[in-house]
Amino acid sequence: MSLKTKRISSAMVREISAILNEEVRDELLKNVSITDVTVDDDLTFAKVYFITRLDDTVNMEKELNEASKFIRMHLAHRLNLRSTPELKFVYDKSLDYSEKIDKIIEEIHEDESHE
């Protein structure tokens, strides 16, 4: 990833987060935190990773992708890019994975202390 795409990705994380908090009327979407954005080198496509406090991540992903054109329009106004990438929202499973690993390690330590 080039320095340019890294800067654009970082700006997109900030701006999409702000759009979700300031522009979106759907209160459900305000329960989302953007964790990362990966942008293709040609800036045509961006994967937007998110987490949420709500349990229904599948529905949340669907709602975000339905709102992606609205979010992209606002993003275009905020970022001064020749063309704004198409957005694809994806639930960020890395936090779930790290919590699962932490739980396994905790269980191992508990088992060792009982021996």
C-alpha atoms as a PDB file:
ATOM      1  CA  MET A   1       0.000   0.000   0.000  1.00  0.00           C
ATOM      2  CA  SER A   2       1.445   3.357  -0.995  1.00  0.00           C
ATOM      3  CA  LEU A   3       1.755   6.318   1.334  1.00  0.00           C
ATOM      4  CA  LYS A   4      -0.994   8.072  -0.632  1.00  0.00           C
ATOM      5  CA  THR A   5      -3.500   5.223  -0.167  1.00  0.00           C
ATOM      6  CA  LYS A   6      -2.556   4.968   3.532  1.00  0.00           C
ATOM      7  CA  ARG A   7      -3.332   8.663   3.986  1.00  0.00           C
ATOM      8  CA  ILE A   8      -6.601   8.325   2.088  1.00  0.00           C
ATOM      9  CA  SER A   9      -7.560   5.260   4.158  1.00  0.00           C
ATOM     10  CA  SER A  10      -6.848   7.109   7.397  1.00  0.00           C
ATOM     11  CA  ALA A  11      -8.865  10.138   6.252  1.00  0.00           C
ATOM     12  CA  MET A  12     -11.727   7.856   5.234  1.00  0.00           C
ATOM     13  CA  VAL A  13     -11.841   6.245   8.707  1.00  0.00           C
ATOM     14  CA  ARG A  14     -12.179   9.701  10.300  1.00  0.00           C
ATOM     15  CA  GLU A  15     -14.685  11.063   7.801  1.00  0.00           C
ATOM     16  CA  ILE A  16     -16.939   7.988   7.608  1.00  0.00           C
ATOM     17  CA  SER A  17     -17.053   7.940  11.430  1.00  0.00           C
ATOM     18  CA  ALA A  18     -18.050  11.610  11.423  1.00  0.00           C
ATOM     19  CA  ILE A  19     -20.672  11.040   8.717  1.00  0.00           C
ATOM     20  CA  LEU A  20     -22.229   8.203  10.715  1.00  0.00           C
ATOM     21  CA  ASN A  21     -22.375  10.409  13.812  1.00  0.00           C
ATOM     22  CA  GLU A  22     -23.433  13.676  12.184  1.00  0.00           C
ATOM     23  CA  GLU A  23     -25.261  13.014   8.915  1.00  0.00           C
ATOM     24  CA  VAL A  24     -27.031   9.645   9.176  1.00  0.00           C
ATOM     25  CA  ARG A  25     -30.571   9.754  10.561  1.00  0.00           C
ATOM     26  CA  ASP A  26     -30.826   6.018  11.247  1.00  0.00           C
ATOM     27  CA  GLU A  27     -30.059   5.659  14.975  1.00  0.00           C
ATOM     28  CA  LEU A  28     -29.107   2.014  14.410  1.00  0.00           C
ATOM     29  CA  LEU A  29     -26.102   3.086  12.325  1.00  0.00           C
ATOM     30  CA  LYS A  30     -24.861   5.335  15.124  1.00  0.00           C
ATOM     31  CA  ASN A  31     -23.922   2.138  17.023  1.00  0.00           C
ATOM     32  CA  VAL A  32     -21.050   1.514  14.612  1.00  0.00           C
ATOM     33  CA  SER A  33     -17.349   2.247  14.996  1.00  0.00           C
ATOM     34  CA  ILE A  34     -15.129   2.234  11.930  1.00  0.00           C
ATOM     35  CA  THR A  35     -11.923   0.306  12.647  1.00  0.00           C
ATOM     36  CA  ASP A  36     -10.122   0.389   9.304  1.00  0.00           C
ATOM     37  CA  VAL A  37     -10.452   1.149   5.607  1.00  0.00           C
ATOM     38  CA  THR A  38      -8.468  -0.553   2.863  1.00  0.00           C
ATOM     39  CA  VAL A  39      -8.425   1.192  -0.495  1.00  0.00           C
ATOM     40  CA  ASP A  40      -7.424  -0.265  -3.860  1.00  0.00           C
ATOM     41  CA  ASP A  41      -4.396   1.408  -5.439  1.00  0.00           C
ATOM     42  CA  ASP A  42      -6.578   2.816  -8.226  1.00  0.00           C
ATOM     43  CA  LEU A  43      -9.040   4.239  -5.637  1.00  0.00           C
ATOM     44  CA  THR A  44     -12.092   2.590  -7.200  1.00  0.00           C
ATOM     45  CA  PHE A  45     -13.014   0.364  -4.269  1.00  0.00           C
ATOM     46  CA  ALA A  46     -12.724   0.569  -0.477  1.00  0.00           C
ATOM     47  CA  LYS A  47     -13.458  -2.032   2.186  1.00  0.00           C
ATOM     48  CA  VAL A  48     -14.717  -0.355   5.336  1.00  0.00           C
ATOM     49  CA  TYR A  49     -14.290  -2.475   8.473  1.00  0.00           C
ATOM     50  CA  PHE A  50     -16.581  -1.819  11.417  1.00  0.00           C
ATOM     51  CA  ILE A  51     -17.502  -3.103  14.860  1.00  0.00           C
ATOM     52  CA  THR A  52     -20.753  -2.640  16.742  1.00  0.00           C
ATOM     53  CA  ARG A  53     -22.079  -3.072  20.262  1.00  0.00           C
ATOM     54  CA  LEU A  54     -25.193  -4.706  18.862  1.00  0.00           C
ATOM     55  CA  ASP A  55     -25.433  -8.473  18.402  1.00  0.00           C
ATOM     56  CA  ASP A  56     -26.987  -8.498  14.931  1.00  0.00           C
ATOM     57  CA  THR A  57     -23.831  -7.895  12.892  1.00  0.00           C
ATOM     58  CA  VAL A  58     -25.276  -9.412   9.710  1.00  0.00           C
ATOM     59  CA  ASN A  59     -28.200  -6.984   9.684  1.00  0.00           C
ATOM     60  CA  MET A  60     -25.884  -4.096  10.571  1.00  0.00           C
ATOM     61  CA  GLU A  61     -23.602  -4.952   7.643  1.00  0.00           C
ATOM     62  CA  LYS A  62     -26.641  -5.045   5.346  1.00  0.00           C
ATOM     63  CA  GLU A  63     -27.893  -1.664   6.638  1.00  0.00           C
ATOM     64  CA  LEU A  64     -24.488  -0.051   6.162  1.00  0.00           C
ATOM     65  CA  ASN A  65     -24.152  -1.369   2.631  1.00  0.00           C
ATOM     66  CA  GLU A  66     -27.625  -0.065   1.822  1.00  0.00           C
ATOM     67  CA  ALA A  67     -26.544   3.361   3.126  1.00  0.00           C
ATOM     68  CA  SER A  68     -23.191   3.237   1.316  1.00  0.00           C
ATOM     69  CA  LYS A  69     -24.272   5.513  -1.562  1.00  0.00           C
ATOM     70  CA  PHE A  70     -25.442   8.163   0.912  1.00  0.00           C
ATOM     71  CA  ILE A  71     -22.213   7.839   2.915  1.00  0.00           C
ATOM     72  CA  ARG A  72     -20.116   7.912  -0.271  1.00  0.00           C
ATOM     73  CA  MET A  73     -21.850  11.110  -1.428  1.00  0.00           C
ATOM     74  CA  HIS A  74     -21.050  12.857   1.866  1.00  0.00           C
ATOM     75  CA  LEU A  75     -17.534  11.443   1.786  1.00  0.00           C
ATOM     76  CA  ALA A  76     -17.000  12.942  -1.670  1.00  0.00           C
ATOM     77  CA  HIS A  77     -17.870  16.381  -0.289  1.00  0.00           C
ATOM     78  CA  ARG A  78     -15.485  15.974   2.634  1.00  0.00           C
ATOM     79  CA  LEU A  79     -12.492  14.503   0.787  1.00  0.00           C
ATOM     80  CA  ASN A  80     -11.024  16.315  -2.155  1.00  0.00           C
ATOM     81  CA  LEU A  81     -10.480  13.282  -4.406  1.00  0.00           C
ATOM     82  CA  ARG A  82     -10.860  13.026  -8.170  1.00  0.00           C
ATOM     83  CA  SER A  83     -13.205  10.081  -7.599  1.00  0.00           C
ATOM     84  CA  THR A  84     -14.520   8.630  -4.369  1.00  0.00           C
ATOM     85  CA  PRO A  85     -14.130   4.850  -4.029  1.00  0.00           C
ATOM     86  CA  GLU A  86     -17.145   2.560  -3.951  1.00  0.00           C
ATOM     87  CA  LEU A  87     -17.711   1.482  -0.336  1.00  0.00           C
ATOM     88  CA  LYS A  88     -18.192  -2.086   0.881  1.00  0.00           C
ATOM     89  CA  PHE A  89     -18.835  -2.454   4.616  1.00  0.00           C
ATOM     90  CA  VAL A  90     -17.494  -5.576   6.318  1.00  0.00           C
ATOM     91  CA  TYR A  91     -17.832  -6.592   9.964  1.00  0.00           C
ATOM     92  CA  ASP A  92     -14.375  -6.610  11.581  1.00  0.00           C
ATOM     93  CA  LYS A  93     -14.012 -10.054  13.159  1.00  0.00           C
ATOM     94  CA  SER A  94     -10.512  -9.404  14.490  1.00  0.00           C
ATOM     95  CA  LEU A  95     -11.850  -8.090  17.810  1.00  0.00           C
ATOM     96  CA  ASP A  96     -14.032 -11.190  18.253  1.00  0.00           C
ATOM     97  CA  TYR A  97     -11.023 -13.354  17.406  1.00  0.00           C
ATOM     98  CA  SER A  98      -8.773 -11.610  19.941  1.00  0.00           C
ATOM     99  CA  GLU A  99     -11.462 -11.916  22.647  1.00  0.00           C
ATOM    100  CA  LYS A 100     -11.740 -15.633  21.875  1.00  0.00           C
ATOM    101  CA  ILE A 101      -7.952 -16.055  22.177  1.00  0.00           C
ATOM    102  CA  ASP A 102      -7.947 -14.096  25.473  1.00  0.00           C
ATOM    103  CA  LYS A 103     -10.685 -16.368  26.828  1.00  0.00           C
ATOM    104  CA  ILE A 104      -8.741 -19.510  25.851  1.00  0.00           C
ATOM    105  CA  ILE A 105      -5.575 -18.184  27.517  1.00  0.00           C
ATOM    106  CA  GLU A 106      -7.575 -17.300  30.629  1.00  0.00           C
ATOM    107  CA  GLU A 107      -9.018 -20.837  30.763  1.00  0.00           C
ATOM    108  CA  ILE A 108      -5.540 -22.341  30.404  1.00  0.00           C
ATOM    109  CA  HIS A 109      -4.279 -20.233  33.318  1.00  0.00           C
ATOM    110  CA  GLU A 110      -7.290 -21.252  35.437  1.00  0.00           C
ATOM    111  CA  ASP A 111      -6.643 -24.928  34.676  1.00  0.00           C
ATOM    112  CA  GLU A 112      -2.975 -24.567  35.616  1.00  0.00           C
ATOM    113  CA  SER A 113      -3.798 -22.874  38.931  1.00  0.00           C
ATOM    114  CA  HIS A 114      -6.175 -25.709  39.884  1.00  0.00           C
ATOM    115  CA  GLU A 115      -3.516 -28.393  39.424  1.00  0.00           C
END
